[in-house]
C-alpha atoms as a PDB file:
ATOM      1  CA  UNK A   1     120.796  91.149  17.975  1.00  0.00           C
ATOM      2  CA  UNK A   2     120.280  94.863  19.099  1.00  0.00           C
ATOM      3  CA  UNK A   3     116.834  96.315  19.012  1.00  0.00           C
ATOM      4  CA  UNK A   4     115.683  99.957  18.012  1.00  0.00           C
ATOM      5  CA  UNK A   5     115.071 101.725  21.376  1.00  0.00           C
ATOM      6  CA  UNK A   6     111.414 102.205  20.454  1.00  0.00           C
ATOM      7  CA  UNK A   7     111.244  98.451  19.672  1.00  0.00           C
ATOM      8  CA  UNK A   8     112.641  97.577  22.861  1.00  0.00           C
ATOM      9  CA  UNK A   9     110.273  99.863  25.143  1.00  0.00           C
ATOM     10  CA  UNK A  10     107.104  98.231  23.197  1.00  0.00           C
ATOM     11  CA  UNK A  11     108.201  95.011  24.000  1.00  0.00           C
ATOM     12  CA  UNK A  12     109.109  95.763  27.601  1.00  0.00           C
ATOM     13  CA  UNK A  13     105.417  97.051  28.193  1.00  0.00           C
ATOM     14  CA  UNK A  14     104.006  93.917  26.643  1.00  0.00           C
ATOM     15  CA  UNK A  15     106.049  91.577  29.231  1.00  0.00           C
ATOM     16  CA  UNK A  16     105.968  93.376  32.004  1.00  0.00           C
ATOM     17  CA  UNK A  17     104.582  91.114  34.719  1.00  0.00           C
ATOM     18  CA  UNK A  18     101.355  91.707  36.468  1.00  0.00           C
ATOM     19  CA  UNK A  19     102.416  89.956  39.764  1.00  0.00           C
ATOM     20  CA  UNK A  20     102.235  92.604  42.338  1.00  0.00           C
ATOM     21  CA  UNK A  21      99.014  93.852  41.269  1.00  0.00           C
ATOM     22  CA  UNK A  22      97.710  90.124  41.085  1.00  0.00           C
ATOM     23  CA  UNK A  23      99.372  89.371  44.713  1.00  0.00           C
ATOM     24  CA  UNK A  24      97.212  92.390  46.242  1.00  0.00           C
ATOM     25  CA  UNK A  25      94.154  90.818  44.689  1.00  0.00           C
ATOM     26  CA  UNK A  26      94.729  87.709  46.356  1.00  0.00           C
ATOM     27  CA  UNK A  27      95.545  89.286  49.561  1.00  0.00           C
ATOM     28  CA  UNK A  28      92.558  91.509  49.430  1.00  0.00           C
ATOM     29  CA  UNK A  29      90.126  88.427  48.627  1.00  0.00           C
ATOM     30  CA  UNK A  30      92.214  86.431  51.201  1.00  0.00           C
ATOM     31  CA  UNK A  31      90.719  89.071  54.106  1.00  0.00           C
ATOM     32  CA  UNK A  32      87.444  89.185  52.372  1.00  0.00           C
ATOM     33  CA  UNK A  33      86.789  85.815  52.601  1.00  0.00           C
ATOM     34  CA  UNK A  34      88.473  85.517  56.391  1.00  0.00           C
ATOM     35  CA  UNK A  35      86.277  88.278  57.564  1.00  0.00           C
ATOM     36  CA  UNK A  36      83.055  86.738  56.275  1.00  0.00           C
ATOM     37  CA  UNK A  37      84.142  83.613  57.790  1.00  0.00           C
ATOM     38  CA  UNK A  38      84.188  85.280  61.239  1.00  0.00           C
ATOM     39  CA  UNK A  39      80.991  86.594  60.743  1.00  0.00           C
ATOM     40  CA  UNK A  40      79.266  83.462  59.286  1.00  0.00           C
ATOM     41  CA  UNK A  41      80.642  80.602  61.006  1.00  0.00           C
ATOM     42  CA  UNK A  42      78.464  78.549  63.381  1.00  0.00           C
ATOM     43  CA  UNK A  43      79.785  77.461  66.529  1.00  0.00           C
ATOM     44  CA  UNK A  44      80.530  73.450  66.431  1.00  0.00           C
ATOM     45  CA  UNK A  45      80.395  71.865  69.731  1.00  0.00           C
ATOM     46  CA  UNK A  46      83.731  69.972  70.748  1.00  0.00           C
ATOM     47  CA  UNK A  47      83.800  66.660  72.223  1.00  0.00           C
ATOM     48  CA  UNK A  48      84.946  68.383  75.890  1.00  0.00           C
ATOM     49  CA  UNK A  49      82.052  70.812  75.749  1.00  0.00           C
ATOM     50  CA  UNK A  50      80.202  70.264  79.049  1.00  0.00           C
ATOM     51  CA  UNK A  51      76.906  71.033  76.868  1.00  0.00           C
ATOM     52  CA  UNK A  52      75.928  72.378  73.717  1.00  0.00           C
ATOM     53  CA  UNK A  53      73.106  74.031  72.376  1.00  0.00           C
ATOM     54  CA  UNK A  54      70.473  72.547  69.497  1.00  0.00           C
ATOM     55  CA  UNK A  55      72.493  72.611  66.841  1.00  0.00           C
ATOM     56  CA  UNK A  56      71.185  74.456  63.467  1.00  0.00           C
ATOM     57  CA  UNK A  57      71.316  72.800  59.902  1.00  0.00           C
ATOM     58  CA  UNK A  58      74.196  74.858  58.832  1.00  0.00           C
ATOM     59  CA  UNK A  59      76.136  73.898  62.247  1.00  0.00           C
ATOM     60  CA  UNK A  60      75.728  70.304  61.386  1.00  0.00           C
ATOM     61  CA  UNK A  61      76.969  70.833  57.693  1.00  0.00           C
ATOM     62  CA  UNK A  62      80.194  72.499  58.790  1.00  0.00           C
ATOM     63  CA  UNK A  63      80.367  69.666  61.506  1.00  0.00           C
ATOM     64  CA  UNK A  64      80.252  66.914  58.912  1.00  0.00           C
ATOM     65  CA  UNK A  65      82.143  68.476  56.423  1.00  0.00           C
ATOM     66  CA  UNK A  66      85.526  67.652  57.936  1.00  0.00           C
ATOM     67  CA  UNK A  67      87.873  65.522  55.593  1.00  0.00           C
ATOM     68  CA  UNK A  68      89.294  63.917  58.398  1.00  0.00           C
ATOM     69  CA  UNK A  69      86.717  61.795  60.276  1.00  0.00           C
ATOM     70  CA  UNK A  70      83.149  61.859  61.121  1.00  0.00           C
ATOM     71  CA  UNK A  71      82.712  63.466  64.891  1.00  0.00           C
ATOM     72  CA  UNK A  72      82.999  61.151  67.567  1.00  0.00           C
ATOM     73  CA  UNK A  73      79.904  59.944  69.453  1.00  0.00           C
ATOM     74  CA  UNK A  74      80.805  62.041  72.424  1.00  0.00           C
ATOM     75  CA  UNK A  75      79.890  65.181  70.157  1.00  0.00           C
ATOM     76  CA  UNK A  76      76.303  63.724  69.494  1.00  0.00           C
ATOM     77  CA  UNK A  77      75.973  62.943  73.348  1.00  0.00           C
ATOM     78  CA  UNK A  78      76.452  66.565  74.128  1.00  0.00           C
ATOM     79  CA  UNK A  79      74.078  67.424  71.228  1.00  0.00           C
ATOM     80  CA  UNK A  80      71.205  65.200  72.642  1.00  0.00           C
ATOM     81  CA  UNK A  81      68.214  64.183  70.768  1.00  0.00           C
ATOM     82  CA  UNK A  82      67.669  67.731  69.811  1.00  0.00           C
ATOM     83  CA  UNK A  83      70.115  67.152  67.023  1.00  0.00           C
ATOM     84  CA  UNK A  84      67.940  64.599  65.108  1.00  0.00           C
ATOM     85  CA  UNK A  85      65.389  66.738  63.568  1.00  0.00           C
ATOM     86  CA  UNK A  86      68.257  69.315  62.214  1.00  0.00           C
ATOM     87  CA  UNK A  87      70.039  65.961  60.985  1.00  0.00           C
ATOM     88  CA  UNK A  88      67.038  64.971  59.076  1.00  0.00           C
ATOM     89  CA  UNK A  89      66.580  68.449  57.506  1.00  0.00           C
ATOM     90  CA  UNK A  90      70.228  68.205  56.138  1.00  0.00           C
ATOM     91  CA  UNK A  91      69.847  64.985  54.812  1.00  0.00           C
ATOM     92  CA  UNK A  92      66.731  66.493  52.726  1.00  0.00           C
ATOM     93  CA  UNK A  93      68.506  69.710  51.564  1.00  0.00           C
ATOM     94  CA  UNK A  94      68.211  69.323  47.908  1.00  0.00           C
ATOM     95  CA  UNK A  95      71.871  69.133  46.173  1.00  0.00           C
ATOM     96  CA  UNK A  96      73.419  67.932  49.571  1.00  0.00           C
ATOM     97  CA  UNK A  97      76.322  65.924  48.735  1.00  0.00           C
ATOM     98  CA  UNK A  98      76.263  62.206  49.237  1.00  0.00           C
ATOM     99  CA  UNK A  99      79.151  62.134  51.732  1.00  0.00           C
ATOM    100  CA  UNK A 100      77.230  64.646  53.772  1.00  0.00           C
ATOM    101  CA  UNK A 101      74.181  62.294  53.523  1.00  0.00           C
ATOM    102  CA  UNK A 102      76.045  59.502  54.501  1.00  0.00           C
ATOM    103  CA  UNK A 103      77.271  60.696  57.800  1.00  0.00           C
ATOM    104  CA  UNK A 104      74.129  61.847  58.534  1.00  0.00           C
ATOM    105  CA  UNK A 105      72.530  58.655  57.891  1.00  0.00           C
ATOM    106  CA  UNK A 106      75.558  57.223  60.075  1.00  0.00           C
ATOM    107  CA  UNK A 107      74.997  60.062  62.854  1.00  0.00           C
ATOM    108  CA  UNK A 108      71.609  59.356  63.566  1.00  0.00           C
ATOM    109  CA  UNK A 109      72.288  56.003  64.822  1.00  0.00           C
ATOM    110  CA  UNK A 110      73.238  57.525  67.909  1.00  0.00           C
ATOM    111  CA  UNK A 111      69.650  58.384  68.471  1.00  0.00           C
ATOM    112  CA  UNK A 112      67.516  55.376  68.969  1.00  0.00           C
ATOM    113  CA  UNK A 113      64.113  56.701  68.537  1.00  0.00           C
ATOM    114  CA  UNK A 114      60.882  55.805  66.663  1.00  0.00           C
ATOM    115  CA  UNK A 115      61.636  58.622  64.179  1.00  0.00           C
ATOM    116  CA  UNK A 116      65.101  57.288  63.642  1.00  0.00           C
ATOM    117  CA  UNK A 117      64.081  54.186  62.791  1.00  0.00           C
ATOM    118  CA  UNK A 118      61.164  55.566  60.358  1.00  0.00           C
ATOM    119  CA  UNK A 119      63.842  57.848  58.985  1.00  0.00           C
ATOM    120  CA  UNK A 120      66.246  54.868  58.234  1.00  0.00           C
ATOM    121  CA  UNK A 121      63.712  52.764  56.955  1.00  0.00           C
ATOM    122  CA  UNK A 122      62.577  55.460  54.740  1.00  0.00           C
ATOM    123  CA  UNK A 123      66.320  55.864  53.381  1.00  0.00           C
ATOM    124  CA  UNK A 124      66.630  52.135  52.895  1.00  0.00           C
ATOM    125  CA  UNK A 125      63.723  51.635  51.091  1.00  0.00           C
ATOM    126  CA  UNK A 126      63.771  54.539  48.849  1.00  0.00           C
ATOM    127  CA  UNK A 127      63.453  53.483  45.160  1.00  0.00           C
ATOM    128  CA  UNK A 128      66.814  54.323  43.152  1.00  0.00           C
ATOM    129  CA  UNK A 129      68.694  54.745  46.141  1.00  0.00           C
ATOM    130  CA  UNK A 130      72.527  54.836  45.701  1.00  0.00           C
ATOM    131  CA  UNK A 131      73.320  51.598  47.235  1.00  0.00           C
ATOM    132  CA  UNK A 132      75.921  53.145  49.580  1.00  0.00           C
ATOM    133  CA  UNK A 133      73.262  55.012  51.262  1.00  0.00           C
ATOM    134  CA  UNK A 134      70.934  51.652  51.701  1.00  0.00           C
ATOM    135  CA  UNK A 135      74.244  50.121  53.078  1.00  0.00           C
ATOM    136  CA  UNK A 136      74.733  52.920  55.750  1.00  0.00           C
ATOM    137  CA  UNK A 137      71.076  52.692  56.801  1.00  0.00           C
ATOM    138  CA  UNK A 138      70.898  49.234  57.180  1.00  0.00           C
ATOM    139  CA  UNK A 139      74.135  49.157  59.276  1.00  0.00           C
ATOM    140  CA  UNK A 140      72.713  52.223  61.209  1.00  0.00           C
ATOM    141  CA  UNK A 141      69.477  50.353  61.956  1.00  0.00           C
ATOM    142  CA  UNK A 142      71.323  47.377  63.920  1.00  0.00           C
ATOM    143  CA  UNK A 143      73.668  50.078  65.692  1.00  0.00           C
ATOM    144  CA  UNK A 144      70.746  51.961  66.968  1.00  0.00           C
ATOM    145  CA  UNK A 145      68.204  49.120  67.632  1.00  0.00           C
ATOM    146  CA  UNK A 146      70.227  46.140  68.253  1.00  0.00           C
ATOM    147  CA  UNK A 147      67.862  42.946  68.407  1.00  0.00           C
ATOM    148  CA  UNK A 148      65.152  44.769  68.042  1.00  0.00           C
ATOM    149  CA  UNK A 149      66.100  45.529  64.637  1.00  0.00           C
ATOM    150  CA  UNK A 150      66.633  41.868  63.486  1.00  0.00           C
ATOM    151  CA  UNK A 151      63.616  41.711  61.265  1.00  0.00           C
ATOM    152  CA  UNK A 152      64.067  45.419  59.774  1.00  0.00           C
ATOM    153  CA  UNK A 153      67.671  44.275  58.614  1.00  0.00           C
ATOM    154  CA  UNK A 154      66.677  40.681  57.935  1.00  0.00           C
ATOM    155  CA  UNK A 155      64.670  42.247  54.766  1.00  0.00           C
ATOM    156  CA  UNK A 156      67.461  43.405  52.990  1.00  0.00           C
ATOM    157  CA  UNK A 157      69.234  39.752  53.206  1.00  0.00           C
ATOM    158  CA  UNK A 158      67.276  39.310  49.895  1.00  0.00           C
ATOM    159  CA  UNK A 159      68.377  42.962  48.136  1.00  0.00           C
ATOM    160  CA  UNK A 160      69.408  42.837  44.587  1.00  0.00           C
ATOM    161  CA  UNK A 161      72.716  44.496  45.385  1.00  0.00           C
ATOM    162  CA  UNK A 162      75.347  42.141  46.746  1.00  0.00           C
ATOM    163  CA  UNK A 163      76.779  45.034  48.901  1.00  0.00           C
ATOM    164  CA  UNK A 164      73.500  45.535  50.558  1.00  0.00           C
ATOM    165  CA  UNK A 165      73.044  42.028  51.252  1.00  0.00           C
ATOM    166  CA  UNK A 166      76.676  42.128  52.873  1.00  0.00           C
ATOM    167  CA  UNK A 167      76.044  45.156  54.997  1.00  0.00           C
ATOM    168  CA  UNK A 168      72.675  43.306  56.526  1.00  0.00           C
ATOM    169  CA  UNK A 169      74.811  40.112  57.250  1.00  0.00           C
ATOM    170  CA  UNK A 170      77.576  42.219  58.902  1.00  0.00           C
ATOM    171  CA  UNK A 171      74.892  44.099  60.701  1.00  0.00           C
ATOM    172  CA  UNK A 172      73.026  40.812  61.964  1.00  0.00           C
ATOM    173  CA  UNK A 173      76.107  39.369  62.955  1.00  0.00           C
ATOM    174  CA  UNK A 174      77.330  42.543  64.794  1.00  0.00           C
ATOM    175  CA  UNK A 175      73.531  42.343  66.573  1.00  0.00           C
ATOM    176  CA  UNK A 176      74.248  38.798  67.413  1.00  0.00           C
ATOM    177  CA  UNK A 177      71.916  36.306  69.202  1.00  0.00           C
ATOM    178  CA  UNK A 178      69.574  33.513  68.338  1.00  0.00           C
ATOM    179  CA  UNK A 179      66.961  35.690  66.274  1.00  0.00           C
ATOM    180  CA  UNK A 180      70.030  37.163  63.973  1.00  0.00           C
ATOM    181  CA  UNK A 181      71.681  33.694  63.790  1.00  0.00           C
ATOM    182  CA  UNK A 182      68.475  32.040  62.847  1.00  0.00           C
ATOM    183  CA  UNK A 183      67.805  34.630  60.052  1.00  0.00           C
ATOM    184  CA  UNK A 184      71.261  34.229  58.754  1.00  0.00           C
ATOM    185  CA  UNK A 185      70.792  30.475  58.521  1.00  0.00           C
ATOM    186  CA  UNK A 186      67.460  30.519  56.538  1.00  0.00           C
ATOM    187  CA  UNK A 187      69.382  32.860  54.158  1.00  0.00           C
ATOM    188  CA  UNK A 188      72.200  30.522  53.869  1.00  0.00           C
ATOM    189  CA  UNK A 189      70.648  27.960  51.038  1.00  0.00           C
ATOM    190  CA  UNK A 190      69.179  30.878  49.145  1.00  0.00           C
ATOM    191  CA  UNK A 191      72.019  33.159  48.272  1.00  0.00           C
ATOM    192  CA  UNK A 192      74.170  31.799  45.207  1.00  0.00           C
ATOM    193  CA  UNK A 193      76.735  34.299  45.467  1.00  0.00           C
ATOM    194  CA  UNK A 194      79.815  33.161  46.152  1.00  0.00           C
ATOM    195  CA  UNK A 195      80.987  36.059  48.272  1.00  0.00           C
ATOM    196  CA  UNK A 196      77.783  36.301  50.081  1.00  0.00           C
ATOM    197  CA  UNK A 197      78.111  32.249  50.642  1.00  0.00           C
ATOM    198  CA  UNK A 198      81.587  32.928  52.284  1.00  0.00           C
ATOM    199  CA  UNK A 199      80.403  35.978  54.532  1.00  0.00           C
ATOM    200  CA  UNK A 200      77.334  34.076  55.986  1.00  0.00           C
ATOM    201  CA  UNK A 201      79.506  30.593  56.573  1.00  0.00           C
ATOM    202  CA  UNK A 202      82.038  33.181  58.240  1.00  0.00           C
ATOM    203  CA  UNK A 203      79.761  35.274  60.075  1.00  0.00           C
ATOM    204  CA  UNK A 204      77.946  32.038  61.354  1.00  0.00           C
ATOM    205  CA  UNK A 205      80.990  30.304  62.554  1.00  0.00           C
ATOM    206  CA  UNK A 206      82.082  33.700  64.505  1.00  0.00           C
ATOM    207  CA  UNK A 207      78.496  33.954  66.142  1.00  0.00           C
ATOM    208  CA  UNK A 208      78.967  30.240  67.177  1.00  0.00           C
ATOM    209  CA  UNK A 209      82.466  30.525  68.675  1.00  0.00           C
ATOM    210  CA  UNK A 210      81.124  33.475  70.778  1.00  0.00           C
ATOM    211  CA  UNK A 211      77.894  31.780  71.830  1.00  0.00           C
ATOM    212  CA  UNK A 212      80.441  29.029  72.940  1.00  0.00           C
ATOM    213  CA  UNK A 213      82.565  31.193  74.851  1.00  0.00           C
END
């Protein structure tokens, strides 16, 4: 069907694509973002760096925001205990995402100091705390302090959340030794959850096997 010339012009104006202009705007925005990133992105230590300056909160936020995996132990060793205070400050930043807080709680286990113990116990004991954070804090206590943390970790064997109790069992099994084994044996007849009963039995059997070897 033919259209009058005037109508064809009006239709062409209405349907004219804006792609060139849109692409230009996108290119401008991308360039602006890249330029800003070059100005403000903090230096993040690599695992092969010989030394590293004390990290800022923003540096640690960038480091812990990787979607691949948390930083390796070697990175925290190069930062040294100077990273502990900014890590705790990052955790306490209002509105910080849960996954960043979880990684902070895991990272502080690399620094077995009294301040680390105080921080982890505060995280684990906080009322209305997400169980994921309590679980991570309990495991970090075991990782950081080993046999010295048996009493702290064993206190969570009676936690209301099943997965927190499971984390405490796993942490004690990883710590090993007579004191950790006694804590698990004492808990064995008290917990009526089937999953926990099986985990306790399996953990005790593994610890007994390791003790014989």
